[in-house]
Structure formats: C-alpha cells, structure tokens
Amino acid sequence: MNSPTHTPAPKPVSVRAQTAQLVATVASQAKEARHQVYGRVYTRLGFLYGIDIHKLPRNKGESLLLVAEQHDLIDKVYALAYAEHLYLLANEE
C-alpha cells in the first residue's frame, strides 16, 4: 500500500523580500538603478508619513529596507514601491 508523500509547505516570502523584488522590477521597468527607486520611495515615505528613515537608528551595514522592517514600516515602503510600479504600468508606451 502506498502512503501519500508529504510535501512541506513552501516557506512564506517575507514582505521585505517581496519589497526588494518589487523595487528590482520597478528599476528594470524604469531602466534605472535600484538605489534611485529606493531613494524616491524613501522620499515619499517622508512626504506622506513624516518619517525620515535615514534618521532612524541602525547598525553598521544594515540596509534601510531592514530598518523599515525593524520599525514596522515595511508595509508602507512596499505600498509606495507598488504605487510606483502601477504608475509605470499605466504609463507604458
């Protein structure tokens, strides 16, 4: 008698990883470097939410994306990157 094989469920992808992938996609769409996309996203974070991510505490070598995750801002960063992605899709020629 054959027993069913158990396949472990895939690990969920973190919002930080999803955000990094989305920023890479936006950078590719816009034909620019990822740091430029991150710069716009973090600038909008400041304008819309009054959060200057550059002033938040971080350890040497930590990315601003990790800082956003540590300070529960990753959802806002993702949403801003996604808005840019939608804008680019709407304005494709």
PDB file of N, CA and C in Angstrom:
ATOM      1  N   MET A   1       0.834  -1.171   0.000  1.00  0.00           N
ATOM      2  CA  MET A   1       0.000   0.000   0.000  1.00  0.00           C
ATOM      3  C   MET A   1       0.883   1.239   0.000  1.00  0.00           C
ATOM      4  N   ASN A   2       0.573   2.161  -0.877  1.00  0.00           N
ATOM      5  CA  ASN A   2       1.364   3.379  -0.980  1.00  0.00           C
ATOM      6  C   ASN A   2       0.869   4.409   0.031  1.00  0.00           C
ATOM      7  N   SER A   3       1.819   5.000   0.725  1.00  0.00           N
ATOM      8  CA  SER A   3       1.436   6.078   1.630  1.00  0.00           C
ATOM      9  C   SER A   3       1.655   7.405   0.905  1.00  0.00           C
ATOM     10  N   PRO A   4       0.782   8.362   1.144  1.00  0.00           N
ATOM     11  CA  PRO A   4       0.951   9.655   0.462  1.00  0.00           C
ATOM     12  C   PRO A   4       2.237  10.334   0.941  1.00  0.00           C
ATOM     13  N   THR A   5       2.912  10.897   0.006  1.00  0.00           N
ATOM     14  CA  THR A   5       4.126  11.626   0.379  1.00  0.00           C
ATOM     15  C   THR A   5       3.734  13.006   0.885  1.00  0.00           C
ATOM     16  N   HIS A   6       4.413  13.382   1.900  1.00  0.00           N
ATOM     17  CA  HIS A   6       4.143  14.689   2.499  1.00  0.00           C
ATOM     18  C   HIS A   6       5.134  15.702   1.946  1.00  0.00           C
ATOM     19  N   THR A   7       4.624  16.695   1.285  1.00  0.00           N
ATOM     20  CA  THR A   7       5.466  17.765   0.773  1.00  0.00           C
ATOM     21  C   THR A   7       5.330  18.952   1.712  1.00  0.00           C
ATOM     22  N   PRO A   8       6.437  19.391   2.267  1.00  0.00           N
ATOM     23  CA  PRO A   8       6.332  20.530   3.176  1.00  0.00           C
ATOM     24  C   PRO A   8       5.849  21.779   2.440  1.00  0.00           C
ATOM     25  N   ALA A   9       5.082  22.566   3.148  1.00  0.00           N
ATOM     26  CA  ALA A   9       4.589  23.814   2.565  1.00  0.00           C
ATOM     27  C   ALA A   9       5.771  24.741   2.309  1.00  0.00           C
ATOM     28  N   PRO A  10       5.726  25.491   1.214  1.00  0.00           N
ATOM     29  CA  PRO A  10       6.830  26.422   0.957  1.00  0.00           C
ATOM     30  C   PRO A  10       6.879  27.499   2.027  1.00  0.00           C
ATOM     31  N   LYS A  11       8.087  27.929   2.316  1.00  0.00           N
ATOM     32  CA  LYS A  11       8.261  29.000   3.296  1.00  0.00           C
ATOM     33  C   LYS A  11       7.623  30.275   2.760  1.00  0.00           C
ATOM     34  N   PRO A  12       6.883  30.986   3.588  1.00  0.00           N
ATOM     35  CA  PRO A  12       6.318  32.246   3.110  1.00  0.00           C
ATOM     36  C   PRO A  12       7.438  33.253   2.835  1.00  0.00           C
ATOM     37  N   VAL A  13       7.248  34.038   1.815  1.00  0.00           N
ATOM     38  CA  VAL A  13       8.233  35.051   1.456  1.00  0.00           C
ATOM     39  C   VAL A  13       7.959  36.287   2.300  1.00  0.00           C
ATOM     40  N   SER A  14       8.990  36.826   2.906  1.00  0.00           N
ATOM     41  CA  SER A  14       8.819  37.995   3.769  1.00  0.00           C
ATOM     42  C   SER A  14       8.425  39.216   2.944  1.00  0.00           C
ATOM     43  N   VAL A  15       7.781  40.145   3.603  1.00  0.00           N
ATOM     44  CA  VAL A  15       7.409  41.396   2.928  1.00  0.00           C
ATOM     45  C   VAL A  15       8.669  42.146   2.507  1.00  0.00           C
ATOM     46  N   ARG A  16       9.713  42.026   3.302  1.00  0.00           N
ATOM     47  CA  ARG A  16      10.978  42.683   2.929  1.00  0.00           C
ATOM     48  C   ARG A  16      11.507  42.100   1.630  1.00  0.00           C
ATOM     49  N   ALA A  17      11.480  40.777   1.487  1.00  0.00           N
ATOM     50  CA  ALA A  17      11.940  40.143   0.242  1.00  0.00           C
ATOM     51  C   ALA A  17      11.039  40.521  -0.930  1.00  0.00           C
ATOM     52  N   GLN A  18       9.741  40.572  -0.690  1.00  0.00           N
ATOM     53  CA  GLN A  18       8.804  40.977  -1.735  1.00  0.00           C
ATOM     54  C   GLN A  18       9.066  42.424  -2.161  1.00  0.00           C
ATOM     55  N   THR A  19       9.372  43.275  -1.193  1.00  0.00           N
ATOM     56  CA  THR A  19       9.647  44.682  -1.490  1.00  0.00           C
ATOM     57  C   THR A  19      10.919  44.812  -2.313  1.00  0.00           C
ATOM     58  N   ALA A  20      11.945  44.078  -1.935  1.00  0.00           N
ATOM     59  CA  ALA A  20      13.211  44.117  -2.685  1.00  0.00           C
ATOM     60  C   ALA A  20      12.988  43.663  -4.126  1.00  0.00           C
ATOM     61  N   GLN A  21      12.196  42.600  -4.307  1.00  0.00           N
ATOM     62  CA  GLN A  21      11.899  42.112  -5.660  1.00  0.00           C
ATOM     63  C   GLN A  21      11.100  43.144  -6.445  1.00  0.00           C
ATOM     64  N   LEU A  22      10.135  43.762  -5.794  1.00  0.00           N
ATOM     65  CA  LEU A  22       9.315  44.778  -6.453  1.00  0.00           C
ATOM     66  C   LEU A  22      10.158  45.983  -6.873  1.00  0.00           C
ATOM     67  N   VAL A  23      11.067  46.413  -6.017  1.00  0.00           N
ATOM     68  CA  VAL A  23      11.950  47.534  -6.358  1.00  0.00           C
ATOM     69  C   VAL A  23      12.833  47.162  -7.546  1.00  0.00           C
ATOM     70  N   ALA A  24      13.315  45.926  -7.578  1.00  0.00           N
ATOM     71  CA  ALA A  24      14.118  45.473  -8.725  1.00  0.00           C
ATOM     72  C   ALA A  24      13.287  45.500 -10.002  1.00  0.00           C
ATOM     73  N   THR A  25      12.025  45.121  -9.905  1.00  0.00           N
ATOM     74  CA  THR A  25      11.121  45.146 -11.059  1.00  0.00           C
ATOM     75  C   THR A  25      10.895  46.578 -11.537  1.00  0.00           C
ATOM     76  N   VAL A  26      10.638  47.479 -10.601  1.00  0.00           N
ATOM     77  CA  VAL A  26      10.422  48.887 -10.945  1.00  0.00           C
ATOM     78  C   VAL A  26      11.674  49.467 -11.589  1.00  0.00           C
ATOM     79  N   ALA A  27      12.828  49.156 -11.024  1.00  0.00           N
ATOM     80  CA  ALA A  27      14.086  49.660 -11.589  1.00  0.00           C
ATOM     81  C   ALA A  27      14.264  49.168 -13.021  1.00  0.00           C
ATOM     82  N   SER A  28      13.925  47.928 -13.253  1.00  0.00           N
ATOM     83  CA  SER A  28      14.014  47.377 -14.603  1.00  0.00           C
ATOM     84  C   SER A  28      13.028  48.065 -15.545  1.00  0.00           C
ATOM     85  N   GLN A  29      11.798  48.259 -15.082  1.00  0.00           N
ATOM     86  CA  GLN A  29      10.782  48.941 -15.891  1.00  0.00           C
ATOM     87  C   GLN A  29      11.236  50.357 -16.256  1.00  0.00           C
ATOM     88  N   ALA A  30      11.799  51.046 -15.274  1.00  0.00           N
ATOM     89  CA  ALA A  30      12.182  52.440 -15.463  1.00  0.00           C
ATOM     90  C   ALA A  30      13.577  52.585 -16.072  1.00  0.00           C
ATOM     91  N   LYS A  31      14.271  51.446 -16.233  1.00  0.00           N
ATOM     92  CA  LYS A  31      15.636  51.441 -16.776  1.00  0.00           C
ATOM     93  C   LYS A  31      16.562  52.344 -15.954  1.00  0.00           C
ATOM     94  N   GLU A  32      16.541  52.099 -14.645  1.00  0.00           N
ATOM     95  CA  GLU A  32      17.400  52.860 -13.740  1.00  0.00           C
ATOM     96  C   GLU A  32      17.892  51.958 -12.619  1.00  0.00           C
ATOM     97  N   ALA A  33      18.794  52.474 -11.825  1.00  0.00           N
ATOM     98  CA  ALA A  33      19.367  51.698 -10.726  1.00  0.00           C
ATOM     99  C   ALA A  33      18.373  51.576  -9.573  1.00  0.00           C
ATOM    100  N   ARG A  34      18.478  50.472  -8.852  1.00  0.00           N
ATOM    101  CA  ARG A  34      17.580  50.245  -7.718  1.00  0.00           C
ATOM    102  C   ARG A  34      17.704  51.338  -6.666  1.00  0.00           C
ATOM    103  N   HIS A  35      18.918  51.844  -6.435  1.00  0.00           N
ATOM    104  CA  HIS A  35      19.080  52.865  -5.403  1.00  0.00           C
ATOM    105  C   HIS A  35      18.277  54.128  -5.735  1.00  0.00           C
ATOM    106  N   GLN A  36      18.054  54.396  -7.007  1.00  0.00           N
ATOM    107  CA  GLN A  36      17.230  55.541  -7.392  1.00  0.00           C
ATOM    108  C   GLN A  36      15.766  55.307  -7.015  1.00  0.00           C
ATOM    109  N   VAL A  37      15.297  54.089  -7.224  1.00  0.00           N
ATOM    110  CA  VAL A  37      13.916  53.747  -6.858  1.00  0.00           C
ATOM    111  C   VAL A  37      13.761  53.820  -5.344  1.00  0.00           C
ATOM    112  N   TYR A  38      14.695  53.217  -4.615  1.00  0.00           N
ATOM    113  CA  TYR A  38      14.641  53.287  -3.151  1.00  0.00           C
ATOM    114  C   TYR A  38      14.650  54.742  -2.684  1.00  0.00           C
ATOM    115  N   GLY A  39      15.464  55.566  -3.309  1.00  0.00           N
ATOM    116  CA  GLY A  39      15.525  56.982  -2.936  1.00  0.00           C
ATOM    117  C   GLY A  39      14.175  57.665  -3.063  1.00  0.00           C
ATOM    118  N   ARG A  40      13.481  57.417  -4.174  1.00  0.00           N
ATOM    119  CA  ARG A  40      12.148  58.005  -4.364  1.00  0.00           C
ATOM    120  C   ARG A  40      11.150  57.471  -3.348  1.00  0.00           C
ATOM    121  N   VAL A  41      11.220  56.175  -3.107  1.00  0.00           N
ATOM    122  CA  VAL A  41      10.296  55.559  -2.139  1.00  0.00           C
ATOM    123  C   VAL A  41      10.512  56.159  -0.748  1.00  0.00           C
ATOM    124  N   TYR A  42      11.772  56.288  -0.328  1.00  0.00           N
ATOM    125  CA  TYR A  42      12.056  56.828   0.999  1.00  0.00           C
ATOM    126  C   TYR A  42      11.720  58.315   1.085  1.00  0.00           C
ATOM    127  N   THR A  43      11.886  59.035  -0.012  1.00  0.00           N
ATOM    128  CA  THR A  43      11.485  60.441  -0.033  1.00  0.00           C
ATOM    129  C   THR A  43       9.975  60.557   0.141  1.00  0.00           C
ATOM    130  N   ARG A  44       9.231  59.713  -0.546  1.00  0.00           N
ATOM    131  CA  ARG A  44       7.762  59.722  -0.414  1.00  0.00           C
ATOM    132  C   ARG A  44       7.328  59.301   0.984  1.00  0.00           C
ATOM    133  N   LEU A  45       8.076  58.386   1.592  1.00  0.00           N
ATOM    134  CA  LEU A  45       7.792  57.991   2.961  1.00  0.00           C
ATOM    135  C   LEU A  45       7.869  59.216   3.876  1.00  0.00           C
ATOM    136  N   GLY A  46       8.840  60.057   3.606  1.00  0.00           N
ATOM    137  CA  GLY A  46       8.975  61.292   4.383  1.00  0.00           C
ATOM    138  C   GLY A  46       7.851  62.271   4.118  1.00  0.00           C
ATOM    139  N   PHE A  47       7.523  62.464   2.857  1.00  0.00           N
ATOM    140  CA  PHE A  47       6.465  63.413   2.492  1.00  0.00           C
ATOM    141  C   PHE A  47       5.094  62.973   2.999  1.00  0.00           C
ATOM    142  N   LEU A  48       4.765  61.712   2.798  1.00  0.00           N
ATOM    143  CA  LEU A  48       3.420  61.233   3.124  1.00  0.00           C
ATOM    144  C   LEU A  48       3.218  60.901   4.592  1.00  0.00           C
ATOM    145  N   TYR A  49       4.249  60.383   5.241  1.00  0.00           N
ATOM    146  CA  TYR A  49       4.099  59.918   6.621  1.00  0.00           C
ATOM    147  C   TYR A  49       4.944  60.705   7.625  1.00  0.00           C
ATOM    148  N   GLY A  50       5.762  61.616   7.131  1.00  0.00           N
ATOM    149  CA  GLY A  50       6.615  62.388   8.035  1.00  0.00           C
ATOM    150  C   GLY A  50       7.715  61.551   8.671  1.00  0.00           C
ATOM    151  N   ILE A  51       8.116  60.485   7.993  1.00  0.00           N
ATOM    152  CA  ILE A  51       9.132  59.574   8.536  1.00  0.00           C
ATOM    153  C   ILE A  51      10.409  59.710   7.723  1.00  0.00           C
ATOM    154  N   ASP A  52      11.471  60.162   8.373  1.00  0.00           N
ATOM    155  CA  ASP A  52      12.779  60.224   7.723  1.00  0.00           C
ATOM    156  C   ASP A  52      13.528  58.959   8.100  1.00  0.00           C
ATOM    157  N   ILE A  53      13.494  57.988   7.230  1.00  0.00           N
ATOM    158  CA  ILE A  53      14.083  56.678   7.523  1.00  0.00           C
ATOM    159  C   ILE A  53      15.584  56.772   7.765  1.00  0.00           C
ATOM    160  N   HIS A  54      16.208  57.798   7.203  1.00  0.00           N
ATOM    161  CA  HIS A  54      17.658  57.974   7.381  1.00  0.00           C
ATOM    162  C   HIS A  54      18.010  58.350   8.821  1.00  0.00           C
ATOM    163  N   LYS A  55      17.051  58.868   9.560  1.00  0.00           N
ATOM    164  CA  LYS A  55      17.314  59.287  10.942  1.00  0.00           C
ATOM    165  C   LYS A  55      16.984  58.200  11.969  1.00  0.00           C
ATOM    166  N   LEU A  56      16.423  57.103  11.530  1.00  0.00           N
ATOM    167  CA  LEU A  56      16.122  56.005  12.449  1.00  0.00           C
ATOM    168  C   LEU A  56      17.414  55.281  12.810  1.00  0.00           C
ATOM    169  N   PRO A  57      17.506  54.760  14.032  1.00  0.00           N
ATOM    170  CA  PRO A  57      18.732  54.065  14.431  1.00  0.00           C
ATOM    171  C   PRO A  57      18.951  52.798  13.607  1.00  0.00           C
ATOM    172  N   ARG A  58      20.200  52.575  13.266  1.00  0.00           N
ATOM    173  CA  ARG A  58      20.557  51.342  12.561  1.00  0.00           C
ATOM    174  C   ARG A  58      22.002  51.002  12.846  1.00  0.00           C
ATOM    175  N   ASN A  59      22.296  49.738  12.737  1.00  0.00           N
ATOM    176  CA  ASN A  59      23.658  49.258  12.938  1.00  0.00           C
ATOM    177  C   ASN A  59      24.434  49.364  11.637  1.00  0.00           C
ATOM    178  N   LYS A  60      25.734  49.395  11.782  1.00  0.00           N
ATOM    179  CA  LYS A  60      26.597  49.458  10.604  1.00  0.00           C
ATOM    180  C   LYS A  60      26.301  48.289   9.684  1.00  0.00           C
ATOM    181  N   GLY A  61      26.134  48.594   8.410  1.00  0.00           N
ATOM    182  CA  GLY A  61      25.896  47.556   7.422  1.00  0.00           C
ATOM    183  C   GLY A  61      24.438  47.191   7.213  1.00  0.00           C
ATOM    184  N   GLU A  62      23.537  47.720   8.046  1.00  0.00           N
ATOM    185  CA  GLU A  62      22.117  47.414   7.868  1.00  0.00           C
ATOM    186  C   GLU A  62      21.525  48.267   6.757  1.00  0.00           C
ATOM    187  N   SER A  63      20.730  47.638   5.921  1.00  0.00           N
ATOM    188  CA  SER A  63      20.077  48.370   4.841  1.00  0.00           C
ATOM    189  C   SER A  63      18.895  49.155   5.395  1.00  0.00           C
ATOM    190  N   LEU A  64      18.505  50.178   4.667  1.00  0.00           N
ATOM    191  CA  LEU A  64      17.329  50.944   5.066  1.00  0.00           C
ATOM    192  C   LEU A  64      16.071  50.085   4.985  1.00  0.00           C
ATOM    193  N   LEU A  65      16.071  49.108   4.100  1.00  0.00           N
ATOM    194  CA  LEU A  65      14.934  48.203   3.999  1.00  0.00           C
ATOM    195  C   LEU A  65      14.802  47.373   5.284  1.00  0.00           C
ATOM    196  N   LEU A  66      15.910  46.920   5.824  1.00  0.00           N
ATOM    197  CA  LEU A  66      15.889  46.202   7.092  1.00  0.00           C
ATOM    198  C   LEU A  66      15.434  47.125   8.222  1.00  0.00           C
ATOM    199  N   VAL A  67      15.888  48.359   8.204  1.00  0.00           N
ATOM    200  CA  VAL A  67      15.454  49.342   9.206  1.00  0.00           C
ATOM    201  C   VAL A  67      13.945  49.537   9.113  1.00  0.00           C
ATOM    202  N   ALA A  68      13.425  49.633   7.899  1.00  0.00           N
ATOM    203  CA  ALA A  68      11.973  49.775   7.717  1.00  0.00           C
ATOM    204  C   ALA A  68      11.248  48.584   8.325  1.00  0.00           C
ATOM    205  N   GLU A  69      11.783  47.396   8.127  1.00  0.00           N
ATOM    206  CA  GLU A  69      11.162  46.197   8.688  1.00  0.00           C
ATOM    207  C   GLU A  69      11.223  46.222  10.216  1.00  0.00           C
ATOM    208  N   GLN A  70      12.353  46.592  10.761  1.00  0.00           N
ATOM    209  CA  GLN A  70      12.530  46.619  12.212  1.00  0.00           C
ATOM    210  C   GLN A  70      11.617  47.635  12.892  1.00  0.00           C
ATOM    211  N   HIS A  71      11.269  48.696  12.187  1.00  0.00           N
ATOM    212  CA  HIS A  71      10.423  49.754  12.757  1.00  0.00           C
ATOM    213  C   HIS A  71       8.974  49.661  12.276  1.00  0.00           C
ATOM    214  N   ASP A  72       8.600  48.489  11.773  1.00  0.00           N
ATOM    215  CA  ASP A  72       7.229  48.233  11.309  1.00  0.00           C
ATOM    216  C   ASP A  72       6.764  49.228  10.247  1.00  0.00           C
ATOM    217  N   LEU A  73       7.671  49.572   9.356  1.00  0.00           N
ATOM    218  CA  LEU A  73       7.356  50.485   8.255  1.00  0.00           C
ATOM    219  C   LEU A  73       7.373  49.770   6.910  1.00  0.00           C
ATOM    220  N   ILE A  74       7.675  48.487   6.920  1.00  0.00           N
ATOM    221  CA  ILE A  74       7.879  47.763   5.672  1.00  0.00           C
ATOM    222  C   ILE A  74       6.623  47.761   4.811  1.00  0.00           C
ATOM    223  N   ASP A  75       5.449  47.722   5.444  1.00  0.00           N
ATOM    224  CA  ASP A  75       4.210  47.739   4.671  1.00  0.00           C
ATOM    225  C   ASP A  75       4.046  49.053   3.927  1.00  0.00           C
ATOM    226  N   LYS A  76       4.454  50.143   4.545  1.00  0.00           N
ATOM    227  CA  LYS A  76       4.378  51.452   3.891  1.00  0.00           C
ATOM    228  C   LYS A  76       5.380  51.534   2.730  1.00  0.00           C
ATOM    229  N   VAL A  77       6.580  51.029   2.948  1.00  0.00           N
ATOM    230  CA  VAL A  77       7.599  51.028   1.902  1.00  0.00           C
ATOM    231  C   VAL A  77       7.124  50.175   0.724  1.00  0.00           C
ATOM    232  N   TYR A  78       6.556  49.011   1.018  1.00  0.00           N
ATOM    233  CA  TYR A  78       6.041  48.152  -0.046  1.00  0.00           C
ATOM    234  C   TYR A  78       4.934  48.875  -0.825  1.00  0.00           C
ATOM    235  N   ALA A  79       4.010  49.495  -0.109  1.00  0.00           N
ATOM    236  CA  ALA A  79       2.887  50.179  -0.763  1.00  0.00           C
ATOM    237  C   ALA A  79       3.381  51.303  -1.676  1.00  0.00           C
ATOM    238  N   LEU A  80       4.384  52.037  -1.240  1.00  0.00           N
ATOM    239  CA  LEU A  80       4.916  53.128  -2.065  1.00  0.00           C
ATOM    240  C   LEU A  80       5.632  52.585  -3.301  1.00  0.00           C
ATOM    241  N   ALA A  81       6.359  51.496  -3.142  1.00  0.00           N
ATOM    242  CA  ALA A  81       7.016  50.871  -4.302  1.00  0.00           C
ATOM    243  C   ALA A  81       5.972  50.309  -5.258  1.00  0.00           C
ATOM    244  N   TYR A  82       4.909  49.731  -4.710  1.00  0.00           N
ATOM    245  CA  TYR A  82       3.852  49.179  -5.554  1.00  0.00           C
ATOM    246  C   TYR A  82       3.126  50.284  -6.312  1.00  0.00           C
ATOM    247  N   ALA A  83       2.920  51.426  -5.673  1.00  0.00           N
ATOM    248  CA  ALA A  83       2.290  52.564  -6.350  1.00  0.00           C
ATOM    249  C   ALA A  83       3.142  53.018  -7.532  1.00  0.00           C
ATOM    250  N   GLU A  84       4.448  53.023  -7.348  1.00  0.00           N
ATOM    251  CA  GLU A  84       5.334  53.401  -8.451  1.00  0.00           C
ATOM    252  C   GLU A  84       5.254  52.367  -9.579  1.00  0.00           C
ATOM    253  N   HIS A  85       5.180  51.100  -9.209  1.00  0.00           N
ATOM    254  CA  HIS A  85       5.037  50.022 -10.206  1.00  0.00           C
ATOM    255  C   HIS A  85       3.745  50.220 -11.015  1.00  0.00           C
ATOM    256  N   LEU A  86       2.647  50.493 -10.337  1.00  0.00           N
ATOM    257  CA  LEU A  86       1.372  50.711 -11.029  1.00  0.00           C
ATOM    258  C   LEU A  86       1.430  51.940 -11.929  1.00  0.00           C
ATOM    259  N   TYR A  87       2.079  52.985 -11.453  1.00  0.00           N
ATOM    260  CA  TYR A  87       2.224  54.203 -12.252  1.00  0.00           C
ATOM    261  C   TYR A  87       2.977  53.892 -13.548  1.00  0.00           C
ATOM    262  N   LEU A  88       4.052  53.154 -13.428  1.00  0.00           N
ATOM    263  CA  LEU A  88       4.830  52.804 -14.623  1.00  0.00           C
ATOM    264  C   LEU A  88       4.022  51.941 -15.585  1.00  0.00           C
ATOM    265  N   LEU A  89       3.252  50.995 -15.044  1.00  0.00           N
ATOM    266  CA  LEU A  89       2.419  50.150 -15.904  1.00  0.00           C
ATOM    267  C   LEU A  89       1.374  50.970 -16.629  1.00  0.00           C
ATOM    268  N   ALA A  90       0.786  51.930 -15.945  1.00  0.00           N
ATOM    269  CA  ALA A  90      -0.263  52.768 -16.540  1.00  0.00           C
ATOM    270  C   ALA A  90       0.280  53.702 -17.613  1.00  0.00           C
ATOM    271  N   ASN A  91       1.573  54.004 -17.518  1.00  0.00           N
ATOM    272  CA  ASN A  91       2.158  54.964 -18.443  1.00  0.00           C
ATOM    273  C   ASN A  91       3.117  54.339 -19.442  1.00  0.00           C
ATOM    274  N   GLU A  92       3.009  53.015 -19.634  1.00  0.00           N
ATOM    275  CA  GLU A  92       3.837  52.353 -20.653  1.00  0.00           C
ATOM    276  C   GLU A  92       3.388  52.814 -22.035  1.00  0.00           C
ATOM    277  N   GLU A  93       4.345  52.887 -22.893  1.00  0.00           N
ATOM    278  CA  GLU A  93       4.005  53.302 -24.258  1.00  0.00           C
ATOM    279  C   GLU A  93       4.166  52.165 -25.214  1.00  0.00           C
TER     280      GLU A  93
END
